[in-house]
């Protein structure tokens, strides 16, 4: 799976953070059918506190999925994409800005 857009650069506390995941086969070819939303999840962990948020996954039924999560606080977060219990991409760090409740 490949994250397609740059939502990571635009994340804000108390605002939905969405990005698109494109499924691929073992050769890197884009898949054009869905059906794997039950086997995947996106986990977003706030680095300072270890608080974990799990994204809602929406299957577009065309090989793409929308991952949507609502971070409540500003800070640095680590994102992991998990399919069938295995992390499938290197962890990504996101900075969440905005008017979230700061507890640091």
PDB file of N, CA and C in Angstrom:
ATOM      1  N   UNK A   1       0.839  -1.183   0.000  1.00  0.00           N
ATOM      2  CA  UNK A   1       0.000   0.000   0.000  1.00  0.00           C
ATOM      3  C   UNK A   1       0.878   1.237   0.000  1.00  0.00           C
ATOM      4  N   UNK A   2       0.405   2.285  -0.663  1.00  0.00           N
ATOM      5  CA  UNK A   2       1.196   3.509  -0.828  1.00  0.00           C
ATOM      6  C   UNK A   2       0.351   4.712  -0.424  1.00  0.00           C
ATOM      7  N   UNK A   3       0.825   5.555   0.525  1.00  0.00           N
ATOM      8  CA  UNK A   3       0.095   6.786   0.799  1.00  0.00           C
ATOM      9  C   UNK A   3       0.224   7.714  -0.407  1.00  0.00           C
ATOM     10  N   UNK A   4      -0.880   8.291  -0.880  1.00  0.00           N
ATOM     11  CA  UNK A   4      -0.848   9.056  -2.117  1.00  0.00           C
ATOM     12  C   UNK A   4      -0.754  10.562  -1.955  1.00  0.00           C
ATOM     13  N   UNK A   5      -1.334  11.135  -0.915  1.00  0.00           N
ATOM     14  CA  UNK A   5      -1.326  12.605  -0.872  1.00  0.00           C
ATOM     15  C   UNK A   5      -0.537  13.128   0.308  1.00  0.00           C
ATOM     16  N   UNK A   6      -0.438  14.434   0.419  1.00  0.00           N
ATOM     17  CA  UNK A   6       0.433  15.047   1.418  1.00  0.00           C
ATOM     18  C   UNK A   6      -0.344  15.576   2.610  1.00  0.00           C
ATOM     19  N   UNK A   7      -1.378  14.880   3.030  1.00  0.00           N
ATOM     20  CA  UNK A   7      -2.177  15.321   4.177  1.00  0.00           C
ATOM     21  C   UNK A   7      -1.335  15.448   5.437  1.00  0.00           C
ATOM     22  N   UNK A   8      -0.258  14.703   5.520  1.00  0.00           N
ATOM     23  CA  UNK A   8       0.598  14.750   6.706  1.00  0.00           C
ATOM     24  C   UNK A   8       1.083  16.166   6.958  1.00  0.00           C
ATOM     25  N   UNK A   9       1.349  16.931   5.929  1.00  0.00           N
ATOM     26  CA  UNK A   9       1.850  18.288   6.092  1.00  0.00           C
ATOM     27  C   UNK A   9       0.772  19.266   6.527  1.00  0.00           C
ATOM     28  N   UNK A  10      -0.497  18.862   6.500  1.00  0.00           N
ATOM     29  CA  UNK A  10      -1.594  19.782   6.779  1.00  0.00           C
ATOM     30  C   UNK A  10      -2.440  19.382   7.977  1.00  0.00           C
ATOM     31  N   UNK A  11      -1.956  18.484   8.816  1.00  0.00           N
ATOM     32  CA  UNK A  11      -2.747  17.998   9.947  1.00  0.00           C
ATOM     33  C   UNK A  11      -2.902  19.082  11.006  1.00  0.00           C
ATOM     34  N   UNK A  12      -4.116  19.178  11.558  1.00  0.00           N
ATOM     35  CA  UNK A  12      -4.386  20.125  12.635  1.00  0.00           C
ATOM     36  C   UNK A  12      -5.143  19.429  13.749  1.00  0.00           C
ATOM     37  N   UNK A  13      -4.818  19.817  14.993  1.00  0.00           N
ATOM     38  CA  UNK A  13      -5.533  19.264  16.135  1.00  0.00           C
ATOM     39  C   UNK A  13      -7.003  19.620  16.041  1.00  0.00           C
ATOM     40  N   UNK A  14      -7.857  18.687  16.469  1.00  0.00           N
ATOM     41  CA  UNK A  14      -9.305  18.828  16.468  1.00  0.00           C
ATOM     42  C   UNK A  14      -9.868  19.014  15.061  1.00  0.00           C
ATOM     43  N   UNK A  15      -9.115  18.623  14.059  1.00  0.00           N
ATOM     44  CA  UNK A  15      -9.577  18.601  12.681  1.00  0.00           C
ATOM     45  C   UNK A  15      -9.260  17.236  12.111  1.00  0.00           C
ATOM     46  N   UNK A  16     -10.139  16.699  11.291  1.00  0.00           N
ATOM     47  CA  UNK A  16      -9.891  15.364  10.757  1.00  0.00           C
ATOM     48  C   UNK A  16      -8.657  15.352   9.873  1.00  0.00           C
ATOM     49  N   UNK A  17      -7.847  14.349  10.063  1.00  0.00           N
ATOM     50  CA  UNK A  17      -6.627  14.106   9.311  1.00  0.00           C
ATOM     51  C   UNK A  17      -6.953  12.943   8.381  1.00  0.00           C
ATOM     52  N   UNK A  18      -6.935  13.192   7.079  1.00  0.00           N
ATOM     53  CA  UNK A  18      -7.293  12.166   6.095  1.00  0.00           C
ATOM     54  C   UNK A  18      -6.177  12.003   5.086  1.00  0.00           C
ATOM     55  N   UNK A  19      -5.982  10.779   4.663  1.00  0.00           N
ATOM     56  CA  UNK A  19      -5.094  10.543   3.538  1.00  0.00           C
ATOM     57  C   UNK A  19      -5.551   9.294   2.806  1.00  0.00           C
ATOM     58  N   UNK A  20      -5.075   9.145   1.588  1.00  0.00           N
ATOM     59  CA  UNK A  20      -5.489   8.050   0.717  1.00  0.00           C
ATOM     60  C   UNK A  20      -4.404   6.980   0.708  1.00  0.00           C
ATOM     61  N   UNK A  21      -4.834   5.734   0.757  1.00  0.00           N
ATOM     62  CA  UNK A  21      -3.934   4.593   0.651  1.00  0.00           C
ATOM     63  C   UNK A  21      -4.293   3.854  -0.636  1.00  0.00           C
ATOM     64  N   UNK A  22      -3.306   3.602  -1.477  1.00  0.00           N
ATOM     65  CA  UNK A  22      -3.507   2.852  -2.721  1.00  0.00           C
ATOM     66  C   UNK A  22      -2.941   1.449  -2.538  1.00  0.00           C
ATOM     67  N   UNK A  23      -3.758   0.423  -2.700  1.00  0.00           N
ATOM     68  CA  UNK A  23      -3.295  -0.961  -2.583  1.00  0.00           C
ATOM     69  C   UNK A  23      -2.540  -1.358  -3.846  1.00  0.00           C
ATOM     70  N   UNK A  24      -1.484  -2.150  -3.652  1.00  0.00           N
ATOM     71  CA  UNK A  24      -0.690  -2.651  -4.768  1.00  0.00           C
ATOM     72  C   UNK A  24      -0.472  -4.156  -4.593  1.00  0.00           C
ATOM     73  N   UNK A  25      -0.136  -4.830  -5.700  1.00  0.00           N
ATOM     74  CA  UNK A  25       0.202  -6.240  -5.603  1.00  0.00           C
ATOM     75  C   UNK A  25       1.689  -6.383  -5.271  1.00  0.00           C
ATOM     76  N   UNK A  26       2.173  -7.619  -5.218  1.00  0.00           N
ATOM     77  CA  UNK A  26       3.565  -7.834  -4.814  1.00  0.00           C
ATOM     78  C   UNK A  26       4.577  -7.284  -5.812  1.00  0.00           C
ATOM     79  N   UNK A  27       4.118  -6.908  -7.008  1.00  0.00           N
ATOM     80  CA  UNK A  27       4.997  -6.317  -8.013  1.00  0.00           C
ATOM     81  C   UNK A  27       4.914  -4.798  -8.058  1.00  0.00           C
ATOM     82  N   UNK A  28       4.090  -4.222  -7.187  1.00  0.00           N
ATOM     83  CA  UNK A  28       3.940  -2.770  -7.157  1.00  0.00           C
ATOM     84  C   UNK A  28       2.866  -2.229  -8.078  1.00  0.00           C
ATOM     85  N   UNK A  29       2.107  -3.102  -8.735  1.00  0.00           N
ATOM     86  CA  UNK A  29       1.025  -2.660  -9.611  1.00  0.00           C
ATOM     87  C   UNK A  29      -0.183  -2.258  -8.786  1.00  0.00           C
ATOM     88  N   UNK A  30      -0.805  -1.130  -9.128  1.00  0.00           N
ATOM     89  CA  UNK A  30      -1.991  -0.673  -8.413  1.00  0.00           C
ATOM     90  C   UNK A  30      -3.120  -1.677  -8.575  1.00  0.00           C
ATOM     91  N   UNK A  31      -3.826  -1.972  -7.491  1.00  0.00           N
ATOM     92  CA  UNK A  31      -5.006  -2.813  -7.554  1.00  0.00           C
ATOM     93  C   UNK A  31      -6.214  -1.936  -7.867  1.00  0.00           C
ATOM     94  N   UNK A  32      -7.185  -2.497  -8.579  1.00  0.00           N
ATOM     95  CA  UNK A  32      -8.361  -1.714  -8.979  1.00  0.00           C
ATOM     96  C   UNK A  32      -9.635  -2.191  -8.296  1.00  0.00           C
ATOM     97  N   UNK A  33      -9.504  -3.068  -7.319  1.00  0.00           N
ATOM     98  CA  UNK A  33     -10.657  -3.530  -6.548  1.00  0.00           C
ATOM     99  C   UNK A  33     -10.343  -3.373  -5.064  1.00  0.00           C
ATOM    100  N   UNK A  34     -11.390  -3.245  -4.251  1.00  0.00           N
ATOM    101  CA  UNK A  34     -11.215  -3.094  -2.817  1.00  0.00           C
ATOM    102  C   UNK A  34     -11.466  -4.394  -2.087  1.00  0.00           C
ATOM    103  N   UNK A  35     -11.947  -4.270  -0.859  1.00  0.00           N
ATOM    104  CA  UNK A  35     -12.303  -5.433  -0.070  1.00  0.00           C
ATOM    105  C   UNK A  35     -11.358  -5.760   1.067  1.00  0.00           C
ATOM    106  N   UNK A  36     -10.308  -4.966   1.257  1.00  0.00           N
ATOM    107  CA  UNK A  36      -9.335  -5.264   2.303  1.00  0.00           C
ATOM    108  C   UNK A  36      -9.442  -4.361   3.526  1.00  0.00           C
ATOM    109  N   UNK A  37     -10.487  -3.542   3.618  1.00  0.00           N
ATOM    110  CA  UNK A  37     -10.551  -2.591   4.731  1.00  0.00           C
ATOM    111  C   UNK A  37     -10.585  -3.277   6.087  1.00  0.00           C
ATOM    112  N   UNK A  38     -11.132  -4.488   6.169  1.00  0.00           N
ATOM    113  CA  UNK A  38     -11.160  -5.208   7.434  1.00  0.00           C
ATOM    114  C   UNK A  38      -9.801  -5.742   7.844  1.00  0.00           C
ATOM    115  N   UNK A  39      -8.881  -5.830   6.906  1.00  0.00           N
ATOM    116  CA  UNK A  39      -7.550  -6.380   7.178  1.00  0.00           C
ATOM    117  C   UNK A  39      -6.519  -5.291   7.432  1.00  0.00           C
ATOM    118  N   UNK A  40      -6.904  -4.013   7.322  1.00  0.00           N
ATOM    119  CA  UNK A  40      -5.923  -2.946   7.492  1.00  0.00           C
ATOM    120  C   UNK A  40      -6.385  -1.934   8.523  1.00  0.00           C
ATOM    121  N   UNK A  41      -5.406  -1.300   9.146  1.00  0.00           N
ATOM    122  CA  UNK A  41      -5.711  -0.159  10.001  1.00  0.00           C
ATOM    123  C   UNK A  41      -4.510   0.768  10.047  1.00  0.00           C
ATOM    124  N   UNK A  42      -4.797   2.012  10.358  1.00  0.00           N
ATOM    125  CA  UNK A  42      -3.761   3.025  10.515  1.00  0.00           C
ATOM    126  C   UNK A  42      -3.758   3.423  11.978  1.00  0.00           C
ATOM    127  N   UNK A  43      -2.592   3.333  12.579  1.00  0.00           N
ATOM    128  CA  UNK A  43      -2.433   3.689  13.977  1.00  0.00           C
ATOM    129  C   UNK A  43      -1.606   4.957  14.053  1.00  0.00           C
ATOM    130  N   UNK A  44      -2.075   5.922  14.834  1.00  0.00           N
ATOM    131  CA  UNK A  44      -1.403   7.205  14.990  1.00  0.00           C
ATOM    132  C   UNK A  44      -1.089   7.366  16.478  1.00  0.00           C
ATOM    133  N   UNK A  45       0.205   7.425  16.828  1.00  0.00           N
ATOM    134  CA  UNK A  45       0.603   7.527  18.228  1.00  0.00           C
ATOM    135  C   UNK A  45       1.232   8.888  18.504  1.00  0.00           C
ATOM    136  N   UNK A  46       0.750   9.549  19.547  1.00  0.00           N
ATOM    137  CA  UNK A  46       1.345  10.829  19.960  1.00  0.00           C
ATOM    138  C   UNK A  46       2.652  10.520  20.663  1.00  0.00           C
ATOM    139  N   UNK A  47       3.765  11.008  20.123  1.00  0.00           N
ATOM    140  CA  UNK A  47       5.089  10.643  20.614  1.00  0.00           C
ATOM    141  C   UNK A  47       5.313  11.024  22.069  1.00  0.00           C
ATOM    142  N   UNK A  48       4.823  12.172  22.502  1.00  0.00           N
ATOM    143  CA  UNK A  48       5.075  12.649  23.861  1.00  0.00           C
ATOM    144  C   UNK A  48       4.402  11.779  24.915  1.00  0.00           C
ATOM    145  N   UNK A  49       3.183  11.360  24.666  1.00  0.00           N
ATOM    146  CA  UNK A  49       2.401  10.664  25.688  1.00  0.00           C
ATOM    147  C   UNK A  49       2.179   9.188  25.405  1.00  0.00           C
ATOM    148  N   UNK A  50       2.366   8.765  24.159  1.00  0.00           N
ATOM    149  CA  UNK A  50       2.076   7.384  23.800  1.00  0.00           C
ATOM    150  C   UNK A  50       0.605   7.134  23.532  1.00  0.00           C
ATOM    151  N   UNK A  51      -0.233   8.196  23.570  1.00  0.00           N
ATOM    152  CA  UNK A  51      -1.655   8.040  23.257  1.00  0.00           C
ATOM    153  C   UNK A  51      -1.799   7.532  21.833  1.00  0.00           C
ATOM    154  N   UNK A  52      -2.681   6.556  21.638  1.00  0.00           N
ATOM    155  CA  UNK A  52      -2.853   5.943  20.328  1.00  0.00           C
ATOM    156  C   UNK A  52      -4.257   6.191  19.806  1.00  0.00           C
ATOM    157  N   UNK A  53      -4.326   6.574  18.548  1.00  0.00           N
ATOM    158  CA  UNK A  53      -5.583   6.780  17.834  1.00  0.00           C
ATOM    159  C   UNK A  53      -5.595   5.820  16.650  1.00  0.00           C
ATOM    160  N   UNK A  54      -6.735   5.226  16.383  1.00  0.00           N
ATOM    161  CA  UNK A  54      -6.869   4.346  15.228  1.00  0.00           C
ATOM    162  C   UNK A  54      -7.778   5.013  14.213  1.00  0.00           C
ATOM    163  N   UNK A  55      -7.332   5.048  12.974  1.00  0.00           N
ATOM    164  CA  UNK A  55      -8.087   5.717  11.918  1.00  0.00           C
ATOM    165  C   UNK A  55      -9.267   4.863  11.465  1.00  0.00           C
ATOM    166  N   UNK A  56     -10.310   5.555  11.053  1.00  0.00           N
ATOM    167  CA  UNK A  56     -11.434   4.908  10.365  1.00  0.00           C
ATOM    168  C   UNK A  56     -10.979   4.666   8.932  1.00  0.00           C
ATOM    169  N   UNK A  57     -11.268   3.486   8.390  1.00  0.00           N
ATOM    170  CA  UNK A  57     -10.884   3.149   7.017  1.00  0.00           C
ATOM    171  C   UNK A  57     -12.146   3.055   6.164  1.00  0.00           C
ATOM    172  N   UNK A  58     -12.149   3.778   5.045  1.00  0.00           N
ATOM    173  CA  UNK A  58     -13.266   3.730   4.096  1.00  0.00           C
ATOM    174  C   UNK A  58     -12.757   3.113   2.805  1.00  0.00           C
ATOM    175  N   UNK A  59     -13.425   2.067   2.351  1.00  0.00           N
ATOM    176  CA  UNK A  59     -13.056   1.370   1.115  1.00  0.00           C
ATOM    177  C   UNK A  59     -13.772   2.038  -0.053  1.00  0.00           C
ATOM    178  N   UNK A  60     -13.006   2.586  -0.992  1.00  0.00           N
ATOM    179  CA  UNK A  60     -13.586   3.205  -2.191  1.00  0.00           C
ATOM    180  C   UNK A  60     -13.928   2.171  -3.258  1.00  0.00           C
ATOM    181  N   UNK A  61     -13.620   0.901  -3.005  1.00  0.00           N
ATOM    182  CA  UNK A  61     -13.912  -0.215  -3.899  1.00  0.00           C
ATOM    183  C   UNK A  61     -13.226  -0.105  -5.260  1.00  0.00           C
ATOM    184  N   UNK A  62     -12.123   0.656  -5.299  1.00  0.00           N
ATOM    185  CA  UNK A  62     -11.356   0.796  -6.543  1.00  0.00           C
ATOM    186  C   UNK A  62      -9.861   0.590  -6.304  1.00  0.00           C
ATOM    187  N   UNK A  63      -9.532  -0.032  -5.166  1.00  0.00           N
ATOM    188  CA  UNK A  63      -8.131  -0.226  -4.800  1.00  0.00           C
ATOM    189  C   UNK A  63      -7.586   0.877  -3.918  1.00  0.00           C
ATOM    190  N   UNK A  64      -8.392   1.912  -3.675  1.00  0.00           N
ATOM    191  CA  UNK A  64      -7.963   2.986  -2.773  1.00  0.00           C
ATOM    192  C   UNK A  64      -8.829   2.968  -1.519  1.00  0.00           C
ATOM    193  N   UNK A  65      -8.230   3.464  -0.461  1.00  0.00           N
ATOM    194  CA  UNK A  65      -8.887   3.526   0.847  1.00  0.00           C
ATOM    195  C   UNK A  65      -8.610   4.898   1.440  1.00  0.00           C
ATOM    196  N   UNK A  66      -9.571   5.436   2.162  1.00  0.00           N
ATOM    197  CA  UNK A  66      -9.374   6.700   2.874  1.00  0.00           C
ATOM    198  C   UNK A  66      -9.193   6.366   4.343  1.00  0.00           C
ATOM    199  N   UNK A  67      -8.090   6.838   4.915  1.00  0.00           N
ATOM    200  CA  UNK A  67      -7.838   6.699   6.344  1.00  0.00           C
ATOM    201  C   UNK A  67      -8.157   8.045   6.982  1.00  0.00           C
ATOM    202  N   UNK A  68      -8.966   8.029   8.061  1.00  0.00           N
ATOM    203  CA  UNK A  68      -9.427   9.274   8.683  1.00  0.00           C
ATOM    204  C   UNK A  68      -9.301   9.150  10.194  1.00  0.00           C
ATOM    205  N   UNK A  69      -8.611  10.113  10.817  1.00  0.00           N
ATOM    206  CA  UNK A  69      -8.426  10.102  12.270  1.00  0.00           C
ATOM    207  C   UNK A  69      -8.536  11.534  12.788  1.00  0.00           C
ATOM    208  N   UNK A  70      -8.913  11.682  14.045  1.00  0.00           N
ATOM    209  CA  UNK A  70      -9.095  13.002  14.657  1.00  0.00           C
ATOM    210  C   UNK A  70      -8.122  13.161  15.821  1.00  0.00           C
ATOM    211  N   UNK A  71      -6.916  13.727  15.575  1.00  0.00           N
ATOM    212  CA  UNK A  71      -5.990  13.958  16.688  1.00  0.00           C
ATOM    213  C   UNK A  71      -6.520  15.097  17.568  1.00  0.00           C
ATOM    214  N   UNK A  72      -6.468  14.896  18.878  1.00  0.00           N
ATOM    215  CA  UNK A  72      -7.038  15.874  19.801  1.00  0.00           C
ATOM    216  C   UNK A  72      -6.042  16.914  20.269  1.00  0.00           C
ATOM    217  N   UNK A  73      -4.751  16.651  20.105  1.00  0.00           N
ATOM    218  CA  UNK A  73      -3.732  17.563  20.608  1.00  0.00           C
ATOM    219  C   UNK A  73      -2.665  17.823  19.559  1.00  0.00           C
ATOM    220  N   UNK A  74      -2.009  18.964  19.706  1.00  0.00           N
ATOM    221  CA  UNK A  74      -0.878  19.256  18.834  1.00  0.00           C
ATOM    222  C   UNK A  74       0.312  18.411  19.264  1.00  0.00           C
ATOM    223  N   UNK A  75       1.291  18.281  18.409  1.00  0.00           N
ATOM    224  CA  UNK A  75       2.500  17.545  18.751  1.00  0.00           C
ATOM    225  C   UNK A  75       2.987  16.695  17.601  1.00  0.00           C
ATOM    226  N   UNK A  76       3.961  15.853  17.896  1.00  0.00           N
ATOM    227  CA  UNK A  76       4.515  14.934  16.909  1.00  0.00           C
ATOM    228  C   UNK A  76       3.848  13.575  17.075  1.00  0.00           C
ATOM    229  N   UNK A  77       3.458  12.986  15.958  1.00  0.00           N
ATOM    230  CA  UNK A  77       2.795  11.694  15.942  1.00  0.00           C
ATOM    231  C   UNK A  77       3.546  10.746  15.023  1.00  0.00           C
ATOM    232  N   UNK A  78       3.531   9.465  15.361  1.00  0.00           N
ATOM    233  CA  UNK A  78       4.076   8.434  14.499  1.00  0.00           C
ATOM    234  C   UNK A  78       2.907   7.654  13.915  1.00  0.00           C
ATOM    235  N   UNK A  79       2.923   7.472  12.597  1.00  0.00           N
ATOM    236  CA  UNK A  79       1.856   6.735  11.916  1.00  0.00           C
ATOM    237  C   UNK A  79       2.376   5.399  11.422  1.00  0.00           C
ATOM    238  N   UNK A  80       1.556   4.374  11.592  1.00  0.00           N
ATOM    239  CA  UNK A  80       1.867   3.044  11.079  1.00  0.00           C
ATOM    240  C   UNK A  80       0.678   2.531  10.298  1.00  0.00           C
ATOM    241  N   UNK A  81       0.935   1.977   9.142  1.00  0.00           N
ATOM    242  CA  UNK A  81      -0.090   1.313   8.346  1.00  0.00           C
ATOM    243  C   UNK A  81       0.109  -0.180   8.533  1.00  0.00           C
ATOM    244  N   UNK A  82      -0.946  -0.861   9.005  1.00  0.00           N
ATOM    245  CA  UNK A  82      -0.867  -2.283   9.323  1.00  0.00           C
ATOM    246  C   UNK A  82      -1.862  -3.037   8.444  1.00  0.00           C
ATOM    247  N   UNK A  83      -1.394  -4.082   7.763  1.00  0.00           N
ATOM    248  CA  UNK A  83      -2.260  -4.935   6.949  1.00  0.00           C
ATOM    249  C   UNK A  83      -2.020  -6.373   7.393  1.00  0.00           C
ATOM    250  N   UNK A  84      -3.109  -7.073   7.712  1.00  0.00           N
ATOM    251  CA  UNK A  84      -3.027  -8.452   8.191  1.00  0.00           C
ATOM    252  C   UNK A  84      -2.044  -8.602   9.348  1.00  0.00           C
ATOM    253  N   UNK A  85      -2.024  -7.613  10.249  1.00  0.00           N
ATOM    254  CA  UNK A  85      -1.201  -7.678  11.450  1.00  0.00           C
ATOM    255  C   UNK A  85       0.247  -7.281  11.290  1.00  0.00           C
ATOM    256  N   UNK A  86       0.684  -6.906  10.078  1.00  0.00           N
ATOM    257  CA  UNK A  86       2.080  -6.534   9.841  1.00  0.00           C
ATOM    258  C   UNK A  86       2.173  -5.080   9.406  1.00  0.00           C
ATOM    259  N   UNK A  87       3.137  -4.348   9.974  1.00  0.00           N
ATOM    260  CA  UNK A  87       3.396  -2.977   9.527  1.00  0.00           C
ATOM    261  C   UNK A  87       3.968  -3.071   8.125  1.00  0.00           C
ATOM    262  N   UNK A  88       3.324  -2.404   7.158  1.00  0.00           N
ATOM    263  CA  UNK A  88       3.717  -2.591   5.758  1.00  0.00           C
ATOM    264  C   UNK A  88       4.544  -1.456   5.187  1.00  0.00           C
ATOM    265  N   UNK A  89       4.630  -0.357   5.877  1.00  0.00           N
ATOM    266  CA  UNK A  89       5.466   0.755   5.433  1.00  0.00           C
ATOM    267  C   UNK A  89       6.309   1.224   6.605  1.00  0.00           C
ATOM    268  N   UNK A  90       7.430   1.867   6.339  1.00  0.00           N
ATOM    269  CA  UNK A  90       8.171   2.456   7.454  1.00  0.00           C
ATOM    270  C   UNK A  90       7.284   3.474   8.179  1.00  0.00           C
ATOM    271  N   UNK A  91       7.496   3.609   9.475  1.00  0.00           N
ATOM    272  CA  UNK A  91       6.742   4.595  10.242  1.00  0.00           C
ATOM    273  C   UNK A  91       6.987   5.986   9.692  1.00  0.00           C
ATOM    274  N   UNK A  92       5.966   6.818   9.734  1.00  0.00           N
ATOM    275  CA  UNK A  92       6.039   8.196   9.262  1.00  0.00           C
ATOM    276  C   UNK A  92       5.753   9.094  10.450  1.00  0.00           C
ATOM    277  N   UNK A  93       6.485  10.199  10.564  1.00  0.00           N
ATOM    278  CA  UNK A  93       6.223  11.160  11.630  1.00  0.00           C
ATOM    279  C   UNK A  93       5.452  12.329  11.071  1.00  0.00           C
ATOM    280  N   UNK A  94       4.379  12.710  11.769  1.00  0.00           N
ATOM    281  CA  UNK A  94       3.551  13.850  11.365  1.00  0.00           C
ATOM    282  C   UNK A  94       3.574  14.881  12.478  1.00  0.00           C
ATOM    283  N   UNK A  95       3.563  16.146  12.104  1.00  0.00           N
ATOM    284  CA  UNK A  95       3.436  17.227  13.063  1.00  0.00           C
ATOM    285  C   UNK A  95       2.014  17.747  12.987  1.00  0.00           C
ATOM    286  N   UNK A  96       1.328  17.766  14.125  1.00  0.00           N
ATOM    287  CA  UNK A  96      -0.046  18.252  14.177  1.00  0.00           C
ATOM    288  C   UNK A  96      -0.029  19.643  14.804  1.00  0.00           C
ATOM    289  N   UNK A  97      -0.571  20.603  14.079  1.00  0.00           N
ATOM    290  CA  UNK A  97      -0.612  21.976  14.554  1.00  0.00           C
ATOM    291  C   UNK A  97      -2.058  22.387  14.813  1.00  0.00           C
ATOM    292  N   UNK A  98      -2.254  23.593  15.299  1.00  0.00           N
ATOM    293  CA  UNK A  98      -3.614  24.091  15.450  1.00  0.00           C
ATOM    294  C   UNK A  98      -3.952  24.456  16.865  1.00  0.00           C
ATOM    295  N   UNK A  99      -5.238  24.435  17.171  1.00  0.00           N
ATOM    296  CA  UNK A  99      -5.742  24.907  18.445  1.00  0.00           C
ATOM    297  C   UNK A  99      -6.186  23.762  19.352  1.00  0.00           C
ATOM    298  N   UNK A 100      -5.458  22.660  19.330  1.00  0.00           N
ATOM    299  CA  UNK A 100      -5.794  21.531  20.195  1.00  0.00           C
ATOM    300  C   UNK A 100      -5.488  21.840  21.649  1.00  0.00           C
ATOM    301  N   UNK A 101      -5.988  21.024  22.527  1.00  0.00           N
ATOM    302  CA  UNK A 101      -5.733  21.174  23.953  1.00  0.00           C
ATOM    303  C   UNK A 101      -4.317  20.703  24.237  1.00  0.00           C
ATOM    304  N   UNK A 102      -3.475  21.606  24.692  1.00  0.00           N
ATOM    305  CA  UNK A 102      -2.076  21.285  24.964  1.00  0.00           C
ATOM    306  C   UNK A 102      -1.920  20.846  26.406  1.00  0.00           C
ATOM    307  N   UNK A 103      -1.365  19.680  26.632  1.00  0.00           N
ATOM    308  CA  UNK A 103      -1.177  19.174  27.987  1.00  0.00           C
ATOM    309  C   UNK A 103       0.291  18.866  28.236  1.00  0.00           C
ATOM    310  N   UNK A 104       1.172  19.656  27.691  1.00  0.00           N
ATOM    311  CA  UNK A 104       2.605  19.390  27.837  1.00  0.00           C
ATOM    312  C   UNK A 104       3.176  20.203  28.969  1.00  0.00           C
TER     313      UNK A 104
END
